[in-house]
PDB file of all heavy atoms in Angstrom:
ATOM      1  N   ALA A   1     -10.988  13.594  10.144  1.00  0.00           N
ATOM      2  CA  ALA A   1     -11.202  12.226  10.714  1.00  0.00           C
ATOM      3  C   ALA A   1     -11.519  11.254   9.653  1.00  0.00           C
ATOM      4  O   ALA A   1     -10.960  10.134   9.425  1.00  0.00           O
ATOM      5  CB  ALA A   1     -12.258  12.217  11.773  1.00  0.00           C
ATOM      6  N   GLY A   2     -12.546  11.683   8.764  1.00  0.00           N
ATOM      7  CA  GLY A   2     -13.008  10.859   7.778  1.00  0.00           C
ATOM      8  C   GLY A   2     -11.878  10.685   6.596  1.00  0.00           C
ATOM      9  O   GLY A   2     -11.626   9.545   6.100  1.00  0.00           O
ATOM     10  N   TYR A   3     -11.142  11.668   6.277  1.00  0.00           N
ATOM     11  CA  TYR A   3     -10.157  11.677   5.265  1.00  0.00           C
ATOM     12  C   TYR A   3      -9.026  10.746   5.689  1.00  0.00           C
ATOM     13  O   TYR A   3      -8.525   9.880   5.022  1.00  0.00           O
ATOM     14  CB  TYR A   3      -9.627  13.082   5.014  1.00  0.00           C
ATOM     15  CG  TYR A   3      -8.494  13.143   3.924  1.00  0.00           C
ATOM     16  CD1 TYR A   3      -8.881  12.975   2.533  1.00  0.00           C
ATOM     17  CD2 TYR A   3      -7.171  13.260   4.147  1.00  0.00           C
ATOM     18  CE1 TYR A   3      -7.970  13.078   1.574  1.00  0.00           C
ATOM     19  CE2 TYR A   3      -6.270  13.192   3.171  1.00  0.00           C
ATOM     20  CZ  TYR A   3      -6.603  13.140   1.912  1.00  0.00           C
ATOM     21  OH  TYR A   3      -5.706  13.100   0.913  1.00  0.00           O
ATOM     22  N   LEU A   4      -8.437  10.934   6.973  1.00  0.00           N
ATOM     23  CA  LEU A   4      -7.342  10.096   7.385  1.00  0.00           C
ATOM     24  C   LEU A   4      -7.795   8.621   7.521  1.00  0.00           C
ATOM     25  O   LEU A   4      -6.897   7.832   7.235  1.00  0.00           O
ATOM     26  CB  LEU A   4      -6.791  10.668   8.662  1.00  0.00           C
ATOM     27  CG  LEU A   4      -6.136  12.046   8.562  1.00  0.00           C
ATOM     28  CD1 LEU A   4      -5.556  12.493   9.952  1.00  0.00           C
ATOM     29  CD2 LEU A   4      -4.918  12.005   7.560  1.00  0.00           C
ATOM     30  N   ALA A   5      -8.972   8.422   8.070  1.00  0.00           N
ATOM     31  CA  ALA A   5      -9.434   6.986   8.159  1.00  0.00           C
ATOM     32  C   ALA A   5      -9.476   6.317   6.907  1.00  0.00           C
ATOM     33  O   ALA A   5      -9.053   5.163   6.637  1.00  0.00           O
ATOM     34  CB  ALA A   5     -10.834   7.009   8.888  1.00  0.00           C
ATOM     35  N   SER A   6     -10.019   6.984   5.789  1.00  0.00           N
ATOM     36  CA  SER A   6     -10.100   6.349   4.482  1.00  0.00           C
ATOM     37  C   SER A   6      -8.684   6.168   3.889  1.00  0.00           C
ATOM     38  O   SER A   6      -8.466   5.109   3.228  1.00  0.00           O
ATOM     39  CB  SER A   6     -10.971   7.193   3.582  1.00  0.00           C
ATOM     40  OG  SER A   6     -10.486   8.448   3.491  1.00  0.00           O
ATOM     41  N   MET A   7      -7.844   7.194   4.112  1.00  0.00           N
ATOM     42  CA  MET A   7      -6.474   7.041   3.479  1.00  0.00           C
ATOM     43  C   MET A   7      -5.767   5.793   4.209  1.00  0.00           C
ATOM     44  O   MET A   7      -5.054   4.985   3.503  1.00  0.00           O
ATOM     45  CB  MET A   7      -5.643   8.251   3.742  1.00  0.00           C
ATOM     46  CG  MET A   7      -5.973   9.456   2.794  1.00  0.00           C
ATOM     47  SD  MET A   7      -5.336   9.149   1.116  1.00  0.00           S
ATOM     48  CE  MET A   7      -3.632   9.508   1.416  1.00  0.00           C
ATOM     49  N   ALA A   8      -5.858   5.677   5.608  1.00  0.00           N
ATOM     50  CA  ALA A   8      -5.209   4.707   6.232  1.00  0.00           C
ATOM     51  C   ALA A   8      -5.775   3.294   5.870  1.00  0.00           C
ATOM     52  O   ALA A   8      -4.985   2.356   5.694  1.00  0.00           O
ATOM     53  CB  ALA A   8      -5.337   4.953   7.782  1.00  0.00           C
ATOM     54  N   MET A   9      -7.075   3.263   5.572  1.00  0.00           N
ATOM     55  CA  MET A   9      -7.731   1.970   5.264  1.00  0.00           C
ATOM     56  C   MET A   9      -7.195   1.605   3.867  1.00  0.00           C
ATOM     57  O   MET A   9      -6.847   0.397   3.745  1.00  0.00           O
ATOM     58  CB  MET A   9      -9.228   2.167   5.263  1.00  0.00           C
ATOM     59  CG  MET A   9      -9.921   0.898   4.860  1.00  0.00           C
ATOM     60  SD  MET A   9     -11.228   1.090   3.553  1.00  0.00           S
ATOM     61  CE  MET A   9     -10.638   2.267   2.467  1.00  0.00           C
ATOM     62  N   LEU A  10      -6.985   2.470   2.950  1.00  0.00           N
ATOM     63  CA  LEU A  10      -6.602   2.192   1.600  1.00  0.00           C
ATOM     64  C   LEU A  10      -5.098   1.716   1.717  1.00  0.00           C
ATOM     65  O   LEU A  10      -4.821   0.706   1.109  1.00  0.00           O
ATOM     66  CB  LEU A  10      -6.812   3.393   0.794  1.00  0.00           C
ATOM     67  CG  LEU A  10      -6.256   3.217  -0.772  1.00  0.00           C
ATOM     68  CD1 LEU A  10      -7.043   2.300  -1.411  1.00  0.00           C
ATOM     69  CD2 LEU A  10      -6.208   4.669  -1.466  1.00  0.00           C
ATOM     70  N   ILE A  11      -4.358   2.493   2.344  1.00  0.00           N
ATOM     71  CA  ILE A  11      -2.796   2.082   2.253  1.00  0.00           C
ATOM     72  C   ILE A  11      -2.601   0.773   3.092  1.00  0.00           C
ATOM     73  O   ILE A  11      -1.886  -0.078   2.587  1.00  0.00           O
ATOM     74  CB  ILE A  11      -2.075   3.174   2.912  1.00  0.00           C
ATOM     75  CG1 ILE A  11      -2.137   4.584   2.029  1.00  0.00           C
ATOM     76  CG2 ILE A  11      -0.524   2.960   3.131  1.00  0.00           C
ATOM     77  CD1 ILE A  11      -1.420   5.750   2.530  1.00  0.00           C
ATOM     78  N   VAL A  12      -3.190   0.606   4.240  1.00  0.00           N
ATOM     79  CA  VAL A  12      -2.966  -0.649   5.016  1.00  0.00           C
ATOM     80  C   VAL A  12      -3.600  -1.714   4.269  1.00  0.00           C
ATOM     81  O   VAL A  12      -2.994  -2.780   4.363  1.00  0.00           O
ATOM     82  CB  VAL A  12      -3.475  -0.515   6.452  1.00  0.00           C
ATOM     83  CG1 VAL A  12      -3.396  -1.729   7.176  1.00  0.00           C
ATOM     84  CG2 VAL A  12      -2.788   0.763   7.174  1.00  0.00           C
ATOM     85  N   THR A  13      -4.696  -1.620   3.687  1.00  0.00           N
ATOM     86  CA  THR A  13      -5.280  -2.725   2.896  1.00  0.00           C
ATOM     87  C   THR A  13      -4.429  -3.105   1.804  1.00  0.00           C
ATOM     88  O   THR A  13      -4.266  -4.406   1.452  1.00  0.00           O
ATOM     89  CB  THR A  13      -6.758  -2.339   2.344  1.00  0.00           C
ATOM     90  OG1 THR A  13      -7.556  -1.956   3.471  1.00  0.00           O
ATOM     91  CG2 THR A  13      -7.324  -3.515   1.599  1.00  0.00           C
ATOM     92  N   ILE A  14      -3.818  -2.341   0.970  1.00  0.00           N
ATOM     93  CA  ILE A  14      -2.933  -2.552   0.003  1.00  0.00           C
ATOM     94  C   ILE A  14      -1.654  -3.275   0.594  1.00  0.00           C
ATOM     95  O   ILE A  14      -1.051  -4.160  -0.110  1.00  0.00           O
ATOM     96  CB  ILE A  14      -2.616  -1.301  -0.807  1.00  0.00           C
ATOM     97  CG1 ILE A  14      -3.796  -0.796  -1.605  1.00  0.00           C
ATOM     98  CG2 ILE A  14      -1.465  -1.516  -1.878  1.00  0.00           C
ATOM     99  CD1 ILE A  14      -3.599   0.535  -2.426  1.00  0.00           C
ATOM    100  N   TRP A  15      -1.236  -2.802   1.623  1.00  0.00           N
ATOM    101  CA  TRP A  15      -0.118  -3.528   2.306  1.00  0.00           C
ATOM    102  C   TRP A  15      -0.455  -4.917   2.624  1.00  0.00           C
ATOM    103  O   TRP A  15       0.360  -5.842   2.339  1.00  0.00           O
ATOM    104  CB  TRP A  15       0.323  -2.723   3.531  1.00  0.00           C
ATOM    105  CG  TRP A  15       1.307  -3.455   4.366  1.00  0.00           C
ATOM    106  CD1 TRP A  15       1.196  -4.142   5.481  1.00  0.00           C
ATOM    107  CD2 TRP A  15       2.720  -3.466   4.131  1.00  0.00           C
ATOM    108  NE1 TRP A  15       2.251  -4.721   5.980  1.00  0.00           N
ATOM    109  CE2 TRP A  15       3.288  -4.292   5.133  1.00  0.00           C
ATOM    110  CE3 TRP A  15       3.579  -2.927   3.187  1.00  0.00           C
ATOM    111  CZ2 TRP A  15       4.705  -4.530   5.263  1.00  0.00           C
ATOM    112  CZ3 TRP A  15       4.861  -3.247   3.230  1.00  0.00           C
ATOM    113  CH2 TRP A  15       5.417  -3.989   4.239  1.00  0.00           C
ATOM    114  N   TRP A  16      -1.678  -5.171   3.170  1.00  0.00           N
ATOM    115  CA  TRP A  16      -2.119  -6.573   3.542  1.00  0.00           C
ATOM    116  C   TRP A  16      -2.054  -7.426   2.238  1.00  0.00           C
ATOM    117  O   TRP A  16      -1.762  -8.462   2.286  1.00  0.00           O
ATOM    118  CB  TRP A  16      -3.323  -6.442   4.146  1.00  0.00           C
ATOM    119  CG  TRP A  16      -3.971  -7.809   4.518  1.00  0.00           C
ATOM    120  CD1 TRP A  16      -3.723  -8.405   5.771  1.00  0.00           C
ATOM    121  CD2 TRP A  16      -4.879  -8.658   3.844  1.00  0.00           C
ATOM    122  NE1 TRP A  16      -4.278  -9.538   5.836  1.00  0.00           N
ATOM    123  CE2 TRP A  16      -4.932  -9.827   4.606  1.00  0.00           C
ATOM    124  CE3 TRP A  16      -5.326  -8.587   2.557  1.00  0.00           C
ATOM    125  CZ2 TRP A  16      -5.800 -10.948   4.168  1.00  0.00           C
ATOM    126  CZ3 TRP A  16      -6.120  -9.655   2.193  1.00  0.00           C
ATOM    127  CH2 TRP A  16      -6.350 -10.786   2.939  1.00  0.00           C
ATOM    128  N   ILE A  17      -2.539  -6.814   1.162  1.00  0.00           N
ATOM    129  CA  ILE A  17      -2.653  -7.562  -0.120  1.00  0.00           C
ATOM    130  C   ILE A  17      -1.337  -7.832  -0.616  1.00  0.00           C
ATOM    131  O   ILE A  17      -0.942  -9.018  -1.030  1.00  0.00           O
ATOM    132  CB  ILE A  17      -3.426  -6.775  -1.179  1.00  0.00           C
ATOM    133  CG1 ILE A  17      -4.882  -6.596  -0.862  1.00  0.00           C
ATOM    134  CG2 ILE A  17      -3.307  -7.343  -2.571  1.00  0.00           C
ATOM    135  CD1 ILE A  17      -5.707  -5.556  -1.567  1.00  0.00           C
ATOM    136  N   LEU A  18      -0.346  -7.060  -0.545  1.00  0.00           N
ATOM    137  CA  LEU A  18       1.067  -7.214  -0.974  1.00  0.00           C
ATOM    138  C   LEU A  18       1.676  -8.409  -0.123  1.00  0.00           C
ATOM    139  O   LEU A  18       2.319  -9.191  -0.610  1.00  0.00           O
ATOM    140  CB  LEU A  18       1.896  -5.951  -0.788  1.00  0.00           C
ATOM    141  CG  LEU A  18       1.624  -4.800  -1.838  1.00  0.00           C
ATOM    142  CD1 LEU A  18       2.410  -3.555  -1.365  1.00  0.00           C
ATOM    143  CD2 LEU A  18       2.012  -5.243  -3.254  1.00  0.00           C
ATOM    144  N   VAL A  19       1.414  -8.294   1.130  1.00  0.00           N
ATOM    145  CA  VAL A  19       2.083  -9.267   2.099  1.00  0.00           C
ATOM    146  C   VAL A  19       1.393 -10.651   1.987  1.00  0.00           C
ATOM    147  O   VAL A  19       2.078 -11.670   1.939  1.00  0.00           O
ATOM    148  CB  VAL A  19       2.168  -8.735   3.490  1.00  0.00           C
ATOM    149  CG1 VAL A  19       2.613  -9.823   4.400  1.00  0.00           C
ATOM    150  CG2 VAL A  19       3.032  -7.537   3.588  1.00  0.00           C
ATOM    151  N   ARG A  20       0.040 -10.650   2.045  1.00  0.00           N
ATOM    152  CA  ARG A  20      -0.653 -11.956   2.096  1.00  0.00           C
ATOM    153  C   ARG A  20      -0.917 -12.638   0.746  1.00  0.00           C
ATOM    154  O   ARG A  20      -0.788 -13.877   0.611  1.00  0.00           O
ATOM    155  CB  ARG A  20      -2.033 -11.710   2.813  1.00  0.00           C
ATOM    156  CG  ARG A  20      -1.912 -11.461   4.297  1.00  0.00           C
ATOM    157  CD  ARG A  20      -1.485 -12.624   4.999  1.00  0.00           C
ATOM    158  NE  ARG A  20      -1.504 -12.495   6.491  1.00  0.00           N
ATOM    159  CZ  ARG A  20      -0.951 -13.355   7.403  1.00  0.00           C
ATOM    160  NH1 ARG A  20      -0.339 -14.447   6.872  1.00  0.00           N
ATOM    161  NH2 ARG A  20      -1.062 -13.170   8.643  1.00  0.00           N
ATOM    162  N   ILE A  21      -1.307 -11.816  -0.218  1.00  0.00           N
ATOM    163  CA  ILE A  21      -1.684 -12.376  -1.523  1.00  0.00           C
ATOM    164  C   ILE A  21      -0.485 -12.596  -2.374  1.00  0.00           C
ATOM    165  O   ILE A  21      -0.405 -13.586  -3.003  1.00  0.00           O
ATOM    166  CB  ILE A  21      -2.823 -11.589  -2.154  1.00  0.00           C
ATOM    167  CG1 ILE A  21      -4.061 -11.623  -1.179  1.00  0.00           C
ATOM    168  CG2 ILE A  21      -3.178 -12.189  -3.476  1.00  0.00           C
ATOM    169  CD1 ILE A  21      -5.235 -10.773  -1.777  1.00  0.00           C
ATOM    170  N   PHE A  22       0.276 -11.533  -2.501  1.00  0.00           N
ATOM    171  CA  PHE A  22       1.489 -11.666  -3.442  1.00  0.00           C
ATOM    172  C   PHE A  22       2.698 -12.116  -2.774  1.00  0.00           C
ATOM    173  O   PHE A  22       3.739 -12.311  -3.365  1.00  0.00           O
ATOM    174  CB  PHE A  22       1.680 -10.271  -4.064  1.00  0.00           C
ATOM    175  CG  PHE A  22       0.609  -9.778  -5.015  1.00  0.00           C
ATOM    176  CD1 PHE A  22      -0.400  -8.940  -4.607  1.00  0.00           C
ATOM    177  CD2 PHE A  22       0.574 -10.175  -6.262  1.00  0.00           C
ATOM    178  CE1 PHE A  22      -1.411  -8.539  -5.428  1.00  0.00           C
ATOM    179  CE2 PHE A  22      -0.341  -9.783  -7.095  1.00  0.00           C
ATOM    180  CZ  PHE A  22      -1.408  -9.009  -6.812  1.00  0.00           C
ATOM    181  N   ARG A  23       2.633 -12.500  -1.522  1.00  0.00           N
ATOM    182  CA  ARG A  23       3.749 -13.136  -0.743  1.00  0.00           C
ATOM    183  C   ARG A  23       4.996 -12.285  -0.723  1.00  0.00           C
ATOM    184  O   ARG A  23       6.003 -12.931  -0.727  1.00  0.00           O
ATOM    185  CB  ARG A  23       3.949 -14.561  -1.345  1.00  0.00           C
ATOM    186  CG  ARG A  23       2.744 -15.396  -1.325  1.00  0.00           C
ATOM    187  CD  ARG A  23       2.399 -15.699   0.150  1.00  0.00           C
ATOM    188  NE  ARG A  23       1.193 -16.732   0.107  1.00  0.00           N
ATOM    189  CZ  ARG A  23       0.617 -17.207   1.202  1.00  0.00           C
ATOM    190  NH1 ARG A  23       1.190 -16.802   2.457  1.00  0.00           N
ATOM    191  NH2 ARG A  23      -0.372 -18.020   1.204  1.00  0.00           N
ATOM    192  N   SER A  24       4.882 -11.009  -0.848  1.00  0.00           N
ATOM    193  CA  SER A  24       6.103 -10.256  -0.849  1.00  0.00           C
ATOM    194  C   SER A  24       6.178  -9.737   0.606  1.00  0.00           C
ATOM    195  O   SER A  24       5.561  -8.764   1.164  1.00  0.00           O
ATOM    196  CB  SER A  24       5.913  -8.964  -1.652  1.00  0.00           C
ATOM    197  OG  SER A  24       7.067  -8.151  -1.608  1.00  0.00           O
ATOM    198  N   LYS A  25       7.092 -10.454   1.460  1.00  0.00           N
ATOM    199  CA  LYS A  25       7.051 -10.339   2.883  1.00  0.00           C
ATOM    200  C   LYS A  25       8.497  -9.800   3.416  1.00  0.00           C
ATOM    201  O   LYS A  25       8.449  -9.326   4.608  1.00  0.00           O
ATOM    202  CB  LYS A  25       6.759 -11.669   3.506  1.00  0.00           C
ATOM    203  CG  LYS A  25       5.453 -12.251   3.195  1.00  0.00           C
ATOM    204  CD  LYS A  25       5.278 -13.683   3.916  1.00  0.00           C
ATOM    205  CE  LYS A  25       3.872 -14.148   3.679  1.00  0.00           C
ATOM    206  NZ  LYS A  25       3.687 -15.402   4.428  1.00  0.00           N
ATOM    207  N   LYS A  26       9.590  -9.971   2.727  1.00  0.00           N
ATOM    208  CA  LYS A  26      10.795  -9.678   3.282  1.00  0.00           C
ATOM    209  C   LYS A  26      11.504  -8.506   2.647  1.00  0.00           C
ATOM    210  O   LYS A  26      11.340  -8.143   1.650  1.00  0.00           O
ATOM    211  CB  LYS A  26      11.678 -10.915   3.066  1.00  0.00           C
ATOM    212  CG  LYS A  26      11.399 -12.114   3.953  1.00  0.00           C
ATOM    213  CD  LYS A  26      12.391 -13.253   3.720  1.00  0.00           C
ATOM    214  CE  LYS A  26      12.062 -14.452   4.672  1.00  0.00           C
ATOM    215  NZ  LYS A  26      13.292 -15.509   4.642  1.00  0.00           N
ATOM    216  N   SER A  27      12.338  -7.943   3.636  1.00  0.00           N
ATOM    217  CA  SER A  27      13.249  -6.900   3.163  1.00  0.00           C
ATOM    218  C   SER A  27      12.662  -5.699   2.526  1.00  0.00           C
ATOM    219  O   SER A  27      11.613  -5.319   2.914  1.00  0.00           O
ATOM    220  CB  SER A  27      14.259  -7.511   2.320  1.00  0.00           C
ATOM    221  OG  SER A  27      15.444  -6.639   2.016  1.00  0.00           O
ATOM    222  N   TRP A  28      13.375  -5.048   1.591  1.00  0.00           N
ATOM    223  CA  TRP A  28      12.797  -3.742   0.998  1.00  0.00           C
ATOM    224  C   TRP A  28      11.723  -3.863  -0.063  1.00  0.00           C
ATOM    225  O   TRP A  28      11.001  -2.874  -0.246  1.00  0.00           O
ATOM    226  CB  TRP A  28      14.031  -2.981   0.452  1.00  0.00           C
ATOM    227  CG  TRP A  28      14.724  -3.734  -0.630  1.00  0.00           C
ATOM    228  CD1 TRP A  28      15.768  -4.552  -0.526  1.00  0.00           C
ATOM    229  CD2 TRP A  28      14.361  -3.743  -2.109  1.00  0.00           C
ATOM    230  NE1 TRP A  28      16.120  -5.055  -1.811  1.00  0.00           N
ATOM    231  CE2 TRP A  28      15.212  -4.548  -2.692  1.00  0.00           C
ATOM    232  CE3 TRP A  28      13.440  -3.042  -2.812  1.00  0.00           C
ATOM    233  CZ2 TRP A  28      15.274  -4.769  -4.078  1.00  0.00           C
ATOM    234  CZ3 TRP A  28      13.331  -3.256  -4.197  1.00  0.00           C
ATOM    235  CH2 TRP A  28      14.168  -4.105  -4.780  1.00  0.00           C
ATOM    236  N   PRO A  29      11.605  -4.975  -0.760  1.00  0.00           N
ATOM    237  CA  PRO A  29      10.515  -4.956  -1.848  1.00  0.00           C
ATOM    238  C   PRO A  29       9.127  -4.681  -1.365  1.00  0.00           C
ATOM    239  O   PRO A  29       8.456  -3.827  -2.122  1.00  0.00           O
ATOM    240  CB  PRO A  29      10.654  -6.469  -2.345  1.00  0.00           C
ATOM    241  CG  PRO A  29      12.060  -6.837  -2.203  1.00  0.00           C
ATOM    242  CD  PRO A  29      12.382  -6.249  -0.873  1.00  0.00           C
ATOM    243  N   PRO A  30       8.632  -5.153  -0.238  1.00  0.00           N
ATOM    244  CA  PRO A  30       7.236  -4.782   0.212  1.00  0.00           C
ATOM    245  C   PRO A  30       7.176  -3.249   0.340  1.00  0.00           C
ATOM    246  O   PRO A  30       6.115  -2.617  -0.031  1.00  0.00           O
ATOM    247  CB  PRO A  30       7.020  -5.484   1.437  1.00  0.00           C
ATOM    248  CG  PRO A  30       8.011  -6.607   1.424  1.00  0.00           C
ATOM    249  CD  PRO A  30       9.167  -6.141   0.661  1.00  0.00           C
ATOM    250  N   LEU A  31       8.170  -2.591   0.948  1.00  0.00           N
ATOM    251  CA  LEU A  31       8.100  -1.123   1.135  1.00  0.00           C
ATOM    252  C   LEU A  31       8.142  -0.445  -0.253  1.00  0.00           C
ATOM    253  O   LEU A  31       7.523   0.537  -0.478  1.00  0.00           O
ATOM    254  CB  LEU A  31       9.221  -0.659   1.985  1.00  0.00           C
ATOM    255  CG  LEU A  31       9.178  -1.264   3.439  1.00  0.00           C
ATOM    256  CD1 LEU A  31      10.546  -0.724   4.182  1.00  0.00           C
ATOM    257  CD2 LEU A  31       7.983  -1.007   4.132  1.00  0.00           C
ATOM    258  N   PHE A  32       9.045  -0.966  -1.132  1.00  0.00           N
ATOM    259  CA  PHE A  32       9.059  -0.326  -2.520  1.00  0.00           C
ATOM    260  C   PHE A  32       7.788  -0.572  -3.227  1.00  0.00           C
ATOM    261  O   PHE A  32       7.357   0.589  -3.842  1.00  0.00           O
ATOM    262  CB  PHE A  32      10.185  -1.209  -3.291  1.00  0.00           C
ATOM    263  CG  PHE A  32      10.343  -0.790  -4.695  1.00  0.00           C
ATOM    264  CD1 PHE A  32      11.093   0.492  -5.020  1.00  0.00           C
ATOM    265  CD2 PHE A  32       9.776  -1.407  -5.685  1.00  0.00           C
ATOM    266  CE1 PHE A  32      11.192   0.850  -6.333  1.00  0.00           C
ATOM    267  CE2 PHE A  32       9.832  -1.038  -6.953  1.00  0.00           C
ATOM    268  CZ  PHE A  32      10.663   0.130  -7.449  1.00  0.00           C
ATOM    269  N   PHE A  33       7.187  -1.698  -3.241  1.00  0.00           N
ATOM    270  CA  PHE A  33       6.000  -1.785  -3.825  1.00  0.00           C
ATOM    271  C   PHE A  33       4.831  -0.895  -3.301  1.00  0.00           C
ATOM    272  O   PHE A  33       4.071  -0.365  -3.989  1.00  0.00           O
ATOM    273  CB  PHE A  33       5.525  -3.285  -3.735  1.00  0.00           C
ATOM    274  CG  PHE A  33       6.292  -4.211  -4.595  1.00  0.00           C
ATOM    275  CD1 PHE A  33       6.680  -5.520  -4.199  1.00  0.00           C
ATOM    276  CD2 PHE A  33       6.748  -3.834  -5.946  1.00  0.00           C
ATOM    277  CE1 PHE A  33       7.423  -6.317  -4.887  1.00  0.00           C
ATOM    278  CE2 PHE A  33       7.510  -4.676  -6.653  1.00  0.00           C
ATOM    279  CZ  PHE A  33       7.848  -5.934  -6.140  1.00  0.00           C
ATOM    280  N   LEU A  34       4.798  -0.907  -1.942  1.00  0.00           N
ATOM    281  CA  LEU A  34       3.771  -0.010  -1.271  1.00  0.00           C
ATOM    282  C   LEU A  34       3.945   1.457  -1.674  1.00  0.00           C
ATOM    283  O   LEU A  34       2.996   2.147  -2.045  1.00  0.00           O
ATOM    284  CB  LEU A  34       3.847  -0.096   0.174  1.00  0.00           C
ATOM    285  CG  LEU A  34       2.822   0.692   1.014  1.00  0.00           C
ATOM    286  CD1 LEU A  34       1.366   0.173   0.861  1.00  0.00           C
ATOM    287  CD2 LEU A  34       3.170   0.676   2.528  1.00  0.00           C
ATOM    288  N   SER A  35       5.128   1.874  -1.646  1.00  0.00           N
ATOM    289  CA  SER A  35       5.331   3.317  -1.935  1.00  0.00           C
ATOM    290  C   SER A  35       5.033   3.650  -3.378  1.00  0.00           C
ATOM    291  O   SER A  35       4.481   4.743  -3.725  1.00  0.00           O
ATOM    292  CB  SER A  35       6.822   3.681  -1.640  1.00  0.00           C
ATOM    293  OG  SER A  35       7.205   3.493  -0.290  1.00  0.00           O
ATOM    294  N   THR A  36       5.405   2.746  -4.308  1.00  0.00           N
ATOM    295  CA  THR A  36       5.298   3.073  -5.707  1.00  0.00           C
ATOM    296  C   THR A  36       3.871   2.804  -6.151  1.00  0.00           C
ATOM    297  O   THR A  36       3.270   3.583  -6.870  1.00  0.00           O
ATOM    298  CB  THR A  36       6.233   2.225  -6.536  1.00  0.00           C
ATOM    299  OG1 THR A  36       6.193   0.894  -6.205  1.00  0.00           O
ATOM    300  CG2 THR A  36       7.777   2.785  -6.275  1.00  0.00           C
ATOM    301  N   VAL A  37       3.305   1.652  -5.669  1.00  0.00           N
ATOM    302  CA  VAL A  37       1.900   1.319  -6.097  1.00  0.00           C
ATOM    303  C   VAL A  37       0.961   2.272  -5.575  1.00  0.00           C
ATOM    304  O   VAL A  37       0.162   2.847  -6.323  1.00  0.00           O
ATOM    305  CB  VAL A  37       1.512  -0.145  -5.696  1.00  0.00           C
ATOM    306  CG1 VAL A  37       0.042  -0.371  -5.967  1.00  0.00           C
ATOM    307  CG2 VAL A  37       2.350  -1.175  -6.518  1.00  0.00           C
ATOM    308  N   VAL A  38       0.977   2.594  -4.342  1.00  0.00           N
ATOM    309  CA  VAL A  38       0.060   3.466  -3.747  1.00  0.00           C
ATOM    310  C   VAL A  38       0.422   4.915  -4.123  1.00  0.00           C
ATOM    311  O   VAL A  38      -0.387   5.728  -4.657  1.00  0.00           O
ATOM    312  CB  VAL A  38       0.099   3.508  -2.290  1.00  0.00           C
ATOM    313  CG1 VAL A  38      -0.824   4.537  -1.636  1.00  0.00           C
ATOM    314  CG2 VAL A  38      -0.489   2.159  -1.805  1.00  0.00           C
ATOM    315  N   GLY A  39       1.725   5.320  -4.032  1.00  0.00           N
ATOM    316  CA  GLY A  39       2.047   6.716  -4.371  1.00  0.00           C
ATOM    317  C   GLY A  39       1.859   7.066  -5.843  1.00  0.00           C
ATOM    318  O   GLY A  39       1.283   8.062  -6.104  1.00  0.00           O
ATOM    319  N   ALA A  40       2.467   6.236  -6.681  1.00  0.00           N
ATOM    320  CA  ALA A  40       2.356   6.561  -8.092  1.00  0.00           C
ATOM    321  C   ALA A  40       0.965   6.489  -8.694  1.00  0.00           C
ATOM    322  O   ALA A  40       0.525   7.336  -9.389  1.00  0.00           O
ATOM    323  CB  ALA A  40       3.350   5.660  -8.947  1.00  0.00           C
ATOM    324  N   THR A  41       0.174   5.473  -8.232  1.00  0.00           N
ATOM    325  CA  THR A  41      -1.121   5.261  -8.682  1.00  0.00           C
ATOM    326  C   THR A  41      -2.043   6.392  -8.284  1.00  0.00           C
ATOM    327  O   THR A  41      -2.827   6.951  -8.977  1.00  0.00           O
ATOM    328  CB  THR A  41      -1.763   3.959  -8.223  1.00  0.00           C
ATOM    329  OG1 THR A  41      -0.855   2.821  -8.735  1.00  0.00           O
ATOM    330  CG2 THR A  41      -3.113   3.802  -8.824  1.00  0.00           C
ATOM    331  N   TYR A  42      -1.868   6.796  -6.961  1.00  0.00           N
ATOM    332  CA  TYR A  42      -2.744   7.809  -6.432  1.00  0.00           C
ATOM    333  C   TYR A  42      -2.376   9.186  -7.092  1.00  0.00           C
ATOM    334  O   TYR A  42      -3.335   9.941  -7.478  1.00  0.00           O
ATOM    335  CB  TYR A  42      -2.396   7.966  -4.955  1.00  0.00           C
ATOM    336  CG  TYR A  42      -3.561   8.478  -4.190  1.00  0.00           C
ATOM    337  CD1 TYR A  42      -4.481   7.695  -3.613  1.00  0.00           C
ATOM    338  CD2 TYR A  42      -3.728   9.811  -3.824  1.00  0.00           C
ATOM    339  CE1 TYR A  42      -5.611   8.127  -2.824  1.00  0.00           C
ATOM    340  CE2 TYR A  42      -4.756  10.321  -3.150  1.00  0.00           C
ATOM    341  CZ  TYR A  42      -5.717   9.506  -2.644  1.00  0.00           C
ATOM    342  OH  TYR A  42      -6.751   9.923  -1.830  1.00  0.00           O
ATOM    343  N   VAL A  43      -1.146   9.524  -7.292  1.00  0.00           N
ATOM    344  CA  VAL A  43      -0.730  10.671  -8.000  1.00  0.00           C
ATOM    345  C   VAL A  43      -1.244  10.680  -9.385  1.00  0.00           C
ATOM    346  O   VAL A  43      -1.809  11.660  -9.990  1.00  0.00           O
ATOM    347  CB  VAL A  43       0.779  10.968  -8.001  1.00  0.00           C
ATOM    348  CG1 VAL A  43       1.226  12.063  -8.981  1.00  0.00           C
ATOM    349  CG2 VAL A  43       1.218  11.147  -6.575  1.00  0.00           C
ATOM    350  N   LEU A  44      -1.196   9.468 -10.112  1.00  0.00           N
ATOM    351  CA  LEU A  44      -1.618   9.403 -11.488  1.00  0.00           C
ATOM    352  C   LEU A  44      -3.237   9.651 -11.429  1.00  0.00           C
ATOM    353  O   LEU A  44      -3.689  10.418 -12.361  1.00  0.00           O
ATOM    354  CB  LEU A  44      -1.439   8.031 -12.032  1.00  0.00           C
ATOM    355  CG  LEU A  44      -1.812   7.825 -13.451  1.00  0.00           C
ATOM    356  CD1 LEU A  44      -1.283   8.778 -14.475  1.00  0.00           C
ATOM    357  CD2 LEU A  44      -1.594   6.309 -13.806  1.00  0.00           C
ATOM    358  N   LEU A  45      -3.885   9.105 -10.528  1.00  0.00           N
ATOM    359  CA  LEU A  45      -5.382   9.316 -10.575  1.00  0.00           C
ATOM    360  C   LEU A  45      -5.659  10.768 -10.238  1.00  0.00           C
ATOM    361  O   LEU A  45      -6.652  11.336 -10.832  1.00  0.00           O
ATOM    362  CB  LEU A  45      -6.033   8.345  -9.440  1.00  0.00           C
ATOM    363  CG  LEU A  45      -6.054   6.900  -9.798  1.00  0.00           C
ATOM    364  CD1 LEU A  45      -6.642   6.154  -8.559  1.00  0.00           C
ATOM    365  CD2 LEU A  45      -6.949   6.656 -11.020  1.00  0.00           C
TER     366      LEU A  45
END
């Protein structure tokens, strides 16, 4: 419960930042950024 809640919070918060702050809202780029920023950074860490 704790692990999934913290993972969901991290991923959804980064999604919100991508859409709201960086204004990446349409088509495939937001999904690309989410997958690569979260995925690659997490794996690197």
